[in-house]
Amino acid sequence: METDYEKFVKAFREEEVKTKHLNRKAEKVKVTRKVKHDKRVTLEHIRVQMVRDVSYNIKSLRQRNAKNCDTVAFINKKFAQIRQIISE
Protein backbone atom coordinates (compact mmCIF):
# COMPACT_ATOMS: atom_id res chain seq x y z
CA MET A 1 0.00 0.00 0.00
CA GLU A 2 1.28 3.47 -0.95
CA THR A 3 1.79 6.06 1.68
CA ASP A 4 0.50 9.57 1.34
CA TYR A 5 4.02 10.79 0.67
CA GLU A 6 4.51 8.35 -2.22
CA LYS A 7 1.17 9.39 -3.69
CA PHE A 8 2.20 13.02 -3.40
CA VAL A 9 5.56 12.37 -5.11
CA LYS A 10 3.87 10.40 -7.89
CA ALA A 11 1.30 13.13 -8.48
CA PHE A 12 4.03 15.79 -8.46
CA ARG A 13 6.09 13.91 -11.06
CA GLU A 14 3.08 13.45 -13.33
CA GLU A 15 2.32 17.16 -13.08
CA GLU A 16 5.95 17.99 -13.90
CA VAL A 17 5.74 15.85 -17.03
CA LYS A 18 2.58 17.67 -18.08
CA THR A 19 4.28 21.01 -17.45
CA LYS A 20 7.28 20.07 -19.61
CA HIS A 21 4.97 19.00 -22.41
CA LEU A 22 2.94 22.20 -22.16
CA ASN A 23 6.10 24.32 -22.15
CA ARG A 24 7.36 22.65 -25.33
CA LYS A 25 3.95 23.05 -26.91
CA ALA A 26 3.87 26.76 -26.01
CA GLU A 27 7.33 27.28 -27.53
CA LYS A 28 6.20 25.57 -30.72
CA VAL A 29 3.11 27.80 -30.92
CA LYS A 30 5.27 30.90 -30.43
CA VAL A 31 7.58 29.86 -33.24
CA THR A 32 4.62 29.12 -35.47
CA ARG A 33 3.08 32.52 -34.77
CA LYS A 34 6.35 34.24 -35.59
CA VAL A 35 6.69 32.32 -38.83
CA LYS A 36 3.11 33.17 -39.80
CA HIS A 37 3.67 36.83 -38.95
CA ASP A 38 6.88 36.97 -40.97
CA LYS A 39 5.10 35.40 -43.92
CA ARG A 40 2.32 38.01 -43.77
CA VAL A 41 4.84 40.84 -43.56
CA THR A 42 6.77 39.45 -46.54
CA LEU A 43 3.61 39.19 -48.63
CA GLU A 44 2.66 42.76 -47.73
CA HIS A 45 6.09 44.00 -48.82
CA ILE A 46 5.71 42.14 -52.11
CA ARG A 47 2.27 43.68 -52.67
CA VAL A 48 3.58 47.17 -52.00
CA GLN A 49 6.51 46.63 -54.37
CA MET A 50 4.20 45.31 -57.09
CA VAL A 51 1.89 48.31 -56.80
CA ARG A 52 4.90 50.62 -56.89
CA ASP A 53 6.31 49.00 -60.03
CA VAL A 54 2.97 48.89 -61.82
CA SER A 55 2.27 52.51 -60.85
CA TYR A 56 5.58 53.58 -62.32
CA ASN A 57 4.85 51.82 -65.61
CA ILE A 58 1.29 53.12 -65.78
CA LYS A 59 2.49 56.66 -65.13
CA SER A 60 4.90 56.47 -68.06
CA LEU A 61 2.12 55.04 -70.27
CA ARG A 62 -0.17 57.91 -69.31
CA GLN A 63 2.51 60.47 -70.14
CA ARG A 64 3.26 58.92 -73.54
CA ASN A 65 -0.45 58.81 -74.44
CA ALA A 66 -1.59 62.06 -72.80
CA LYS A 67 -2.90 63.51 -76.07
CA ASN A 68 -5.53 60.75 -76.38
CA CYS A 69 -8.13 60.94 -73.60
CA ASP A 70 -9.77 57.62 -74.49
CA THR A 71 -6.45 55.79 -74.15
CA VAL A 72 -5.73 57.41 -70.79
CA ALA A 73 -9.22 56.48 -69.55
CA PHE A 74 -8.63 52.88 -70.66
CA ILE A 75 -5.25 52.84 -68.88
CA ASN A 76 -6.79 54.24 -65.68
CA LYS A 77 -9.56 51.62 -65.76
CA LYS A 78 -7.10 48.74 -66.17
CA PHE A 79 -4.83 50.15 -63.47
CA ALA A 80 -7.77 50.23 -61.05
CA GLN A 81 -8.50 46.57 -61.85
CA ILE A 82 -4.85 45.63 -61.35
CA ARG A 83 -4.74 47.39 -57.98
CA GLN A 84 -7.88 45.56 -56.90
CA ILE A 85 -6.41 42.20 -57.87
CA ILE A 86 -3.15 42.90 -56.06
CA SER A 87 -4.95 43.97 -52.86
CA GLU A 88 -6.84 40.66 -52.56
PDB file of N, CA and C in Angstrom:
ATOM      1  N   MET A   1       0.826  -1.163   0.000  1.00  0.00           N
ATOM      2  CA  MET A   1       0.000   0.000   0.000  1.00  0.00           C
ATOM      3  C   MET A   1       0.889   1.253   0.000  1.00  0.00           C
ATOM      4  N   GLU A   2       0.490   2.240  -0.831  1.00  0.00           N
ATOM      5  CA  GLU A   2       1.277   3.468  -0.948  1.00  0.00           C
ATOM      6  C   GLU A   2       0.964   4.408   0.213  1.00  0.00           C
ATOM      7  N   THR A   3       2.001   5.060   0.648  1.00  0.00           N
ATOM      8  CA  THR A   3       1.793   6.059   1.684  1.00  0.00           C
ATOM      9  C   THR A   3       1.363   7.365   1.019  1.00  0.00           C
ATOM     10  N   ASP A   4       0.918   8.275   1.853  1.00  0.00           N
ATOM     11  CA  ASP A   4       0.500   9.574   1.337  1.00  0.00           C
ATOM     12  C   ASP A   4       1.665  10.292   0.659  1.00  0.00           C
ATOM     13  N   TYR A   5       2.834  10.140   1.232  1.00  0.00           N
ATOM     14  CA  TYR A   5       4.016  10.793   0.669  1.00  0.00           C
ATOM     15  C   TYR A   5       4.320  10.252  -0.736  1.00  0.00           C
ATOM     16  N   GLU A   6       4.257   8.948  -0.917  1.00  0.00           N
ATOM     17  CA  GLU A   6       4.515   8.345  -2.219  1.00  0.00           C
ATOM     18  C   GLU A   6       3.469   8.782  -3.246  1.00  0.00           C
ATOM     19  N   LYS A   7       2.223   8.897  -2.798  1.00  0.00           N
ATOM     20  CA  LYS A   7       1.169   9.386  -3.693  1.00  0.00           C
ATOM     21  C   LYS A   7       1.446  10.835  -4.104  1.00  0.00           C
ATOM     22  N   PHE A   8       1.882  11.623  -3.136  1.00  0.00           N
ATOM     23  CA  PHE A   8       2.204  13.021  -3.401  1.00  0.00           C
ATOM     24  C   PHE A   8       3.344  13.142  -4.410  1.00  0.00           C
ATOM     25  N   VAL A   9       4.401  12.349  -4.208  1.00  0.00           N
ATOM     26  CA  VAL A   9       5.558  12.374  -5.114  1.00  0.00           C
ATOM     27  C   VAL A   9       5.137  11.932  -6.513  1.00  0.00           C
ATOM     28  N   LYS A  10       4.338  10.895  -6.594  1.00  0.00           N
ATOM     29  CA  LYS A  10       3.874  10.398  -7.886  1.00  0.00           C
ATOM     30  C   LYS A  10       3.041  11.464  -8.613  1.00  0.00           C
ATOM     31  N   ALA A  11       2.134  12.079  -7.879  1.00  0.00           N
ATOM     32  CA  ALA A  11       1.302  13.128  -8.476  1.00  0.00           C
ATOM     33  C   ALA A  11       2.160  14.310  -8.928  1.00  0.00           C
ATOM     34  N   PHE A  12       3.146  14.674  -8.126  1.00  0.00           N
ATOM     35  CA  PHE A  12       4.031  15.791  -8.459  1.00  0.00           C
ATOM     36  C   PHE A  12       4.813  15.502  -9.747  1.00  0.00           C
ATOM     37  N   ARG A  13       5.322  14.297  -9.853  1.00  0.00           N
ATOM     38  CA  ARG A  13       6.092  13.915 -11.056  1.00  0.00           C
ATOM     39  C   ARG A  13       5.205  13.934 -12.293  1.00  0.00           C
ATOM     40  N   GLU A  14       4.000  13.430 -12.181  1.00  0.00           N
ATOM     41  CA  GLU A  14       3.080  13.451 -13.327  1.00  0.00           C
ATOM     42  C   GLU A  14       2.773  14.880 -13.745  1.00  0.00           C
ATOM     43  N   GLU A  15       2.584  15.754 -12.777  1.00  0.00           N
ATOM     44  CA  GLU A  15       2.319  17.164 -13.077  1.00  0.00           C
ATOM     45  C   GLU A  15       3.528  17.802 -13.751  1.00  0.00           C
ATOM     46  N   GLU A  16       4.730  17.443 -13.310  1.00  0.00           N
ATOM     47  CA  GLU A  16       5.947  17.989 -13.904  1.00  0.00           C
ATOM     48  C   GLU A  16       6.061  17.572 -15.362  1.00  0.00           C
ATOM     49  N   VAL A  17       5.715  16.336 -15.649  1.00  0.00           N
ATOM     50  CA  VAL A  17       5.744  15.849 -17.034  1.00  0.00           C
ATOM     51  C   VAL A  17       4.758  16.661 -17.876  1.00  0.00           C
ATOM     52  N   LYS A  18       3.566  16.876 -17.353  1.00  0.00           N
ATOM     53  CA  LYS A  18       2.580  17.674 -18.075  1.00  0.00           C
ATOM     54  C   LYS A  18       3.106  19.081 -18.317  1.00  0.00           C
ATOM     55  N   THR A  19       3.753  19.663 -17.330  1.00  0.00           N
ATOM     56  CA  THR A  19       4.280  21.015 -17.451  1.00  0.00           C
ATOM     57  C   THR A  19       5.353  21.074 -18.534  1.00  0.00           C
ATOM     58  N   LYS A  20       6.252  20.089 -18.574  1.00  0.00           N
ATOM     59  CA  LYS A  20       7.283  20.066 -19.607  1.00  0.00           C
ATOM     60  C   LYS A  20       6.647  19.999 -20.993  1.00  0.00           C
ATOM     61  N   HIS A  21       5.658  19.143 -21.121  1.00  0.00           N
ATOM     62  CA  HIS A  21       4.968  19.000 -22.408  1.00  0.00           C
ATOM     63  C   HIS A  21       4.305  20.317 -22.818  1.00  0.00           C
ATOM     64  N   LEU A  22       3.616  20.944 -21.863  1.00  0.00           N
ATOM     65  CA  LEU A  22       2.942  22.204 -22.163  1.00  0.00           C
ATOM     66  C   LEU A  22       3.944  23.308 -22.505  1.00  0.00           C
ATOM     67  N   ASN A  23       5.079  23.324 -21.835  1.00  0.00           N
ATOM     68  CA  ASN A  23       6.101  24.324 -22.154  1.00  0.00           C
ATOM     69  C   ASN A  23       6.620  24.142 -23.578  1.00  0.00           C
ATOM     70  N   ARG A  24       6.905  22.909 -23.959  1.00  0.00           N
ATOM     71  CA  ARG A  24       7.363  22.646 -25.325  1.00  0.00           C
ATOM     72  C   ARG A  24       6.294  23.021 -26.338  1.00  0.00           C
ATOM     73  N   LYS A  25       5.054  22.719 -26.010  1.00  0.00           N
ATOM     74  CA  LYS A  25       3.945  23.048 -26.911  1.00  0.00           C
ATOM     75  C   LYS A  25       3.809  24.558 -27.060  1.00  0.00           C
ATOM     76  N   ALA A  26       3.949  25.305 -25.968  1.00  0.00           N
ATOM     77  CA  ALA A  26       3.874  26.763 -26.014  1.00  0.00           C
ATOM     78  C   ALA A  26       5.007  27.352 -26.854  1.00  0.00           C
ATOM     79  N   GLU A  27       6.204  26.805 -26.724  1.00  0.00           N
ATOM     80  CA  GLU A  27       7.329  27.278 -27.530  1.00  0.00           C
ATOM     81  C   GLU A  27       7.064  27.038 -29.013  1.00  0.00           C
ATOM     82  N   LYS A  28       6.503  25.886 -29.332  1.00  0.00           N
ATOM     83  CA  LYS A  28       6.199  25.567 -30.721  1.00  0.00           C
ATOM     84  C   LYS A  28       5.163  26.535 -31.277  1.00  0.00           C
ATOM     85  N   VAL A  29       4.144  26.864 -30.485  1.00  0.00           N
ATOM     86  CA  VAL A  29       3.114  27.798 -30.917  1.00  0.00           C
ATOM     87  C   VAL A  29       3.722  29.179 -31.147  1.00  0.00           C
ATOM     88  N   LYS A  30       4.619  29.606 -30.263  1.00  0.00           N
ATOM     89  CA  LYS A  30       5.267  30.903 -30.426  1.00  0.00           C
ATOM     90  C   LYS A  30       6.055  30.956 -31.723  1.00  0.00           C
ATOM     91  N   VAL A  31       6.801  29.905 -32.007  1.00  0.00           N
ATOM     92  CA  VAL A  31       7.576  29.855 -33.244  1.00  0.00           C
ATOM     93  C   VAL A  31       6.635  29.898 -34.438  1.00  0.00           C
ATOM     94  N   THR A  32       5.569  29.155 -34.362  1.00  0.00           N
ATOM     95  CA  THR A  32       4.619  29.118 -35.465  1.00  0.00           C
ATOM     96  C   THR A  32       4.009  30.495 -35.689  1.00  0.00           C
ATOM     97  N   ARG A  33       3.645  31.181 -34.625  1.00  0.00           N
ATOM     98  CA  ARG A  33       3.079  32.516 -34.771  1.00  0.00           C
ATOM     99  C   ARG A  33       4.070  33.465 -35.421  1.00  0.00           C
ATOM    100  N   LYS A  34       5.329  33.368 -35.018  1.00  0.00           N
ATOM    101  CA  LYS A  34       6.354  34.239 -35.592  1.00  0.00           C
ATOM    102  C   LYS A  34       6.533  33.951 -37.077  1.00  0.00           C
ATOM    103  N   VAL A  35       6.534  32.680 -37.430  1.00  0.00           N
ATOM    104  CA  VAL A  35       6.686  32.316 -38.834  1.00  0.00           C
ATOM    105  C   VAL A  35       5.506  32.845 -39.644  1.00  0.00           C
ATOM    106  N   LYS A  36       4.309  32.674 -39.109  1.00  0.00           N
ATOM    107  CA  LYS A  36       3.115  33.169 -39.804  1.00  0.00           C
ATOM    108  C   LYS A  36       3.164  34.691 -39.947  1.00  0.00           C
ATOM    109  N   HIS A  37       3.576  35.381 -38.899  1.00  0.00           N
ATOM    110  CA  HIS A  37       3.672  36.834 -38.945  1.00  0.00           C
ATOM    111  C   HIS A  37       4.693  37.276 -39.988  1.00  0.00           C
ATOM    112  N   ASP A  38       5.846  36.629 -39.999  1.00  0.00           N
ATOM    113  CA  ASP A  38       6.883  36.965 -40.974  1.00  0.00           C
ATOM    114  C   ASP A  38       6.389  36.740 -42.401  1.00  0.00           C
ATOM    115  N   LYS A  39       5.643  35.689 -42.593  1.00  0.00           N
ATOM    116  CA  LYS A  39       5.099  35.398 -43.924  1.00  0.00           C
ATOM    117  C   LYS A  39       4.135  36.496 -44.364  1.00  0.00           C
ATOM    118  N   ARG A  40       3.254  36.931 -43.441  1.00  0.00           N
ATOM    119  CA  ARG A  40       2.318  38.012 -43.769  1.00  0.00           C
ATOM    120  C   ARG A  40       3.048  39.302 -44.108  1.00  0.00           C
ATOM    121  N   VAL A  41       4.070  39.616 -43.326  1.00  0.00           N
ATOM    122  CA  VAL A  41       4.845  40.838 -43.564  1.00  0.00           C
ATOM    123  C   VAL A  41       5.533  40.775 -44.922  1.00  0.00           C
ATOM    124  N   THR A  42       6.099  39.620 -45.251  1.00  0.00           N
ATOM    125  CA  THR A  42       6.765  39.448 -46.538  1.00  0.00           C
ATOM    126  C   THR A  42       5.784  39.634 -47.687  1.00  0.00           C
ATOM    127  N   LEU A  43       4.608  39.034 -47.581  1.00  0.00           N
ATOM    128  CA  LEU A  43       3.606  39.191 -48.633  1.00  0.00           C
ATOM    129  C   LEU A  43       3.174  40.644 -48.781  1.00  0.00           C
ATOM    130  N   GLU A  44       3.050  41.341 -47.677  1.00  0.00           N
ATOM    131  CA  GLU A  44       2.660  42.756 -47.730  1.00  0.00           C
ATOM    132  C   GLU A  44       3.735  43.580 -48.430  1.00  0.00           C
ATOM    133  N   HIS A  45       5.004  43.293 -48.144  1.00  0.00           N
ATOM    134  CA  HIS A  45       6.095  44.001 -48.822  1.00  0.00           C
ATOM    135  C   HIS A  45       6.072  43.726 -50.325  1.00  0.00           C
ATOM    136  N   ILE A  46       5.783  42.489 -50.688  1.00  0.00           N
ATOM    137  CA  ILE A  46       5.708  42.137 -52.106  1.00  0.00           C
ATOM    138  C   ILE A  46       4.564  42.881 -52.781  1.00  0.00           C
ATOM    139  N   ARG A  47       3.407  42.943 -52.112  1.00  0.00           N
ATOM    140  CA  ARG A  47       2.266  43.682 -52.669  1.00  0.00           C
ATOM    141  C   ARG A  47       2.615  45.145 -52.895  1.00  0.00           C
ATOM    142  N   VAL A  48       3.228  45.753 -51.892  1.00  0.00           N
ATOM    143  CA  VAL A  48       3.582  47.168 -52.002  1.00  0.00           C
ATOM    144  C   VAL A  48       4.553  47.381 -53.158  1.00  0.00           C
ATOM    145  N   GLN A  49       5.535  46.509 -53.283  1.00  0.00           N
ATOM    146  CA  GLN A  49       6.510  46.630 -54.374  1.00  0.00           C
ATOM    147  C   GLN A  49       5.847  46.450 -55.738  1.00  0.00           C
ATOM    148  N   MET A  50       4.907  45.509 -55.830  1.00  0.00           N
ATOM    149  CA  MET A  50       4.198  45.305 -57.095  1.00  0.00           C
ATOM    150  C   MET A  50       3.400  46.544 -57.476  1.00  0.00           C
ATOM    151  N   VAL A  51       2.679  47.105 -56.525  1.00  0.00           N
ATOM    152  CA  VAL A  51       1.891  48.311 -56.804  1.00  0.00           C
ATOM    153  C   VAL A  51       2.814  49.450 -57.224  1.00  0.00           C
ATOM    154  N   ARG A  52       3.946  49.567 -56.555  1.00  0.00           N
ATOM    155  CA  ARG A  52       4.896  50.621 -56.890  1.00  0.00           C
ATOM    156  C   ARG A  52       5.414  50.463 -58.319  1.00  0.00           C
ATOM    157  N   ASP A  53       5.796  49.255 -58.688  1.00  0.00           N
ATOM    158  CA  ASP A  53       6.314  49.001 -60.033  1.00  0.00           C
ATOM    159  C   ASP A  53       5.255  49.231 -61.106  1.00  0.00           C
ATOM    160  N   VAL A  54       4.057  48.714 -60.856  1.00  0.00           N
ATOM    161  CA  VAL A  54       2.971  48.889 -61.822  1.00  0.00           C
ATOM    162  C   VAL A  54       2.612  50.371 -61.941  1.00  0.00           C
ATOM    163  N   SER A  55       2.577  51.069 -60.818  1.00  0.00           N
ATOM    164  CA  SER A  55       2.266  52.505 -60.848  1.00  0.00           C
ATOM    165  C   SER A  55       3.272  53.268 -61.686  1.00  0.00           C
ATOM    166  N   TYR A  56       4.525  52.914 -61.546  1.00  0.00           N
ATOM    167  CA  TYR A  56       5.576  53.585 -62.317  1.00  0.00           C
ATOM    168  C   TYR A  56       5.368  53.360 -63.822  1.00  0.00           C
ATOM    169  N   ASN A  57       5.077  52.124 -64.194  1.00  0.00           N
ATOM    170  CA  ASN A  57       4.847  51.820 -65.614  1.00  0.00           C
ATOM    171  C   ASN A  57       3.589  52.488 -66.148  1.00  0.00           C
ATOM    172  N   ILE A  58       2.541  52.491 -65.362  1.00  0.00           N
ATOM    173  CA  ILE A  58       1.290  53.123 -65.782  1.00  0.00           C
ATOM    174  C   ILE A  58       1.488  54.630 -65.945  1.00  0.00           C
ATOM    175  N   LYS A  59       2.232  55.231 -65.044  1.00  0.00           N
ATOM    176  CA  LYS A  59       2.492  56.664 -65.131  1.00  0.00           C
ATOM    177  C   LYS A  59       3.206  57.003 -66.440  1.00  0.00           C
ATOM    178  N   SER A  60       4.200  56.200 -66.804  1.00  0.00           N
ATOM    179  CA  SER A  60       4.904  56.469 -68.061  1.00  0.00           C
ATOM    180  C   SER A  60       3.979  56.250 -69.262  1.00  0.00           C
ATOM    181  N   LEU A  61       3.096  55.252 -69.193  1.00  0.00           N
ATOM    182  CA  LEU A  61       2.124  55.042 -70.273  1.00  0.00           C
ATOM    183  C   LEU A  61       1.186  56.240 -70.413  1.00  0.00           C
ATOM    184  N   ARG A  62       0.720  56.739 -69.288  1.00  0.00           N
ATOM    185  CA  ARG A  62      -0.168  57.912 -69.313  1.00  0.00           C
ATOM    186  C   ARG A  62       0.527  59.111 -69.964  1.00  0.00           C
ATOM    187  N   GLN A  63       1.773  59.329 -69.601  1.00  0.00           N
ATOM    188  CA  GLN A  63       2.512  60.475 -70.140  1.00  0.00           C
ATOM    189  C   GLN A  63       2.724  60.338 -71.645  1.00  0.00           C
ATOM    190  N   ARG A  64       3.029  59.131 -72.110  1.00  0.00           N
ATOM    191  CA  ARG A  64       3.257  58.923 -73.540  1.00  0.00           C
ATOM    192  C   ARG A  64       1.976  59.039 -74.358  1.00  0.00           C
ATOM    193  N   ASN A  65       0.825  58.784 -73.721  1.00  0.00           N
ATOM    194  CA  ASN A  65      -0.449  58.814 -74.443  1.00  0.00           C
ATOM    195  C   ASN A  65      -1.362  59.935 -73.953  1.00  0.00           C
ATOM    196  N   ALA A  66      -0.790  60.993 -73.407  1.00  0.00           N
ATOM    197  CA  ALA A  66      -1.587  62.064 -72.798  1.00  0.00           C
ATOM    198  C   ALA A  66      -2.475  62.780 -73.805  1.00  0.00           C
ATOM    199  N   LYS A  67      -2.099  62.782 -75.079  1.00  0.00           N
ATOM    200  CA  LYS A  67      -2.897  63.507 -76.074  1.00  0.00           C
ATOM    201  C   LYS A  67      -4.211  62.804 -76.400  1.00  0.00           C
ATOM    202  N   ASN A  68      -4.334  61.512 -76.069  1.00  0.00           N
ATOM    203  CA  ASN A  68      -5.533  60.753 -76.384  1.00  0.00           C
ATOM    204  C   ASN A  68      -6.287  60.433 -75.092  1.00  0.00           C
ATOM    205  N   CYS A  69      -7.376  61.111 -74.847  1.00  0.00           N
ATOM    206  CA  CYS A  69      -8.133  60.942 -73.596  1.00  0.00           C
ATOM    207  C   CYS A  69      -8.726  59.545 -73.451  1.00  0.00           C
ATOM    208  N   ASP A  70      -9.182  58.956 -74.564  1.00  0.00           N
ATOM    209  CA  ASP A  70      -9.770  57.623 -74.494  1.00  0.00           C
ATOM    210  C   ASP A  70      -8.731  56.589 -74.041  1.00  0.00           C
ATOM    211  N   THR A  71      -7.515  56.715 -74.532  1.00  0.00           N
ATOM    212  CA  THR A  71      -6.448  55.790 -74.147  1.00  0.00           C
ATOM    213  C   THR A  71      -6.113  55.940 -72.667  1.00  0.00           C
ATOM    214  N   VAL A  72      -6.033  57.172 -72.198  1.00  0.00           N
ATOM    215  CA  VAL A  72      -5.729  57.414 -70.786  1.00  0.00           C
ATOM    216  C   VAL A  72      -6.847  56.867 -69.900  1.00  0.00           C
ATOM    217  N   ALA A  73      -8.098  57.023 -70.310  1.00  0.00           N
ATOM    218  CA  ALA A  73      -9.225  56.483 -69.549  1.00  0.00           C
ATOM    219  C   ALA A  73      -9.140  54.961 -69.480  1.00  0.00           C
ATOM    220  N   PHE A  74      -8.795  54.335 -70.620  1.00  0.00           N
ATOM    221  CA  PHE A  74      -8.627  52.883 -70.657  1.00  0.00           C
ATOM    222  C   PHE A  74      -7.506  52.443 -69.711  1.00  0.00           C
ATOM    223  N   ILE A  75      -6.386  53.158 -69.752  1.00  0.00           N
ATOM    224  CA  ILE A  75      -5.247  52.836 -68.881  1.00  0.00           C
ATOM    225  C   ILE A  75      -5.644  52.963 -67.417  1.00  0.00           C
ATOM    226  N   ASN A  76      -6.354  54.031 -67.069  1.00  0.00           N
ATOM    227  CA  ASN A  76      -6.790  54.239 -65.684  1.00  0.00           C
ATOM    228  C   ASN A  76      -7.723  53.113 -65.220  1.00  0.00           C
ATOM    229  N   LYS A  77      -8.619  52.695 -66.096  1.00  0.00           N
ATOM    230  CA  LYS A  77      -9.556  51.621 -65.756  1.00  0.00           C
ATOM    231  C   LYS A  77      -8.806  50.317 -65.488  1.00  0.00           C
ATOM    232  N   LYS A  78      -7.867  49.986 -66.348  1.00  0.00           N
ATOM    233  CA  LYS A  78      -7.099  48.741 -66.174  1.00  0.00           C
ATOM    234  C   LYS A  78      -6.213  48.810 -64.932  1.00  0.00           C
ATOM    235  N   PHE A  79      -5.658  49.992 -64.669  1.00  0.00           N
ATOM    236  CA  PHE A  79      -4.827  50.148 -63.472  1.00  0.00           C
ATOM    237  C   PHE A  79      -5.657  49.938 -62.208  1.00  0.00           C
ATOM    238  N   ALA A  80      -6.886  50.429 -62.201  1.00  0.00           N
ATOM    239  CA  ALA A  80      -7.771  50.226 -61.052  1.00  0.00           C
ATOM    240  C   ALA A  80      -8.051  48.733 -60.848  1.00  0.00           C
ATOM    241  N   GLN A  81      -8.255  48.010 -61.950  1.00  0.00           N
ATOM    242  CA  GLN A  81      -8.502  46.565 -61.848  1.00  0.00           C
ATOM    243  C   GLN A  81      -7.260  45.837 -61.328  1.00  0.00           C
ATOM    244  N   ILE A  82      -6.098  46.250 -61.804  1.00  0.00           N
ATOM    245  CA  ILE A  82      -4.849  45.631 -61.347  1.00  0.00           C
ATOM    246  C   ILE A  82      -4.649  45.860 -59.866  1.00  0.00           C
ATOM    247  N   ARG A  83      -4.879  47.084 -59.410  1.00  0.00           N
ATOM    248  CA  ARG A  83      -4.742  47.389 -57.975  1.00  0.00           C
ATOM    249  C   ARG A  83      -5.685  46.551 -57.149  1.00  0.00           C
ATOM    250  N   GLN A  84      -6.899  46.367 -57.623  1.00  0.00           N
ATOM    251  CA  GLN A  84      -7.881  45.560 -56.897  1.00  0.00           C
ATOM    252  C   GLN A  84      -7.425  44.110 -56.802  1.00  0.00           C
ATOM    253  N   ILE A  85      -6.885  43.581 -57.876  1.00  0.00           N
ATOM    254  CA  ILE A  85      -6.408  42.196 -57.871  1.00  0.00           C
ATOM    255  C   ILE A  85      -5.243  42.031 -56.909  1.00  0.00           C
ATOM    256  N   ILE A  86      -4.317  42.979 -56.928  1.00  0.00           N
ATOM    257  CA  ILE A  86      -3.146  42.899 -56.059  1.00  0.00           C
ATOM    258  C   ILE A  86      -3.552  42.988 -54.584  1.00  0.00           C
ATOM    259  N   SER A  87      -4.558  43.768 -54.265  1.00  0.00           N
ATOM    260  CA  SER A  87      -4.946  43.973 -52.864  1.00  0.00           C
ATOM    261  C   SER A  87      -5.703  42.777 -52.270  1.00  0.00           C
ATOM    262  N   GLU A  88      -6.116  41.825 -53.082  1.00  0.00           N
ATOM    263  CA  GLU A  88      -6.845  40.658 -52.560  1.00  0.00           C
ATOM    264  C   GLU A  88      -5.974  39.783 -51.723  1.00  0.00           C
TER     265      GLU A  88
END
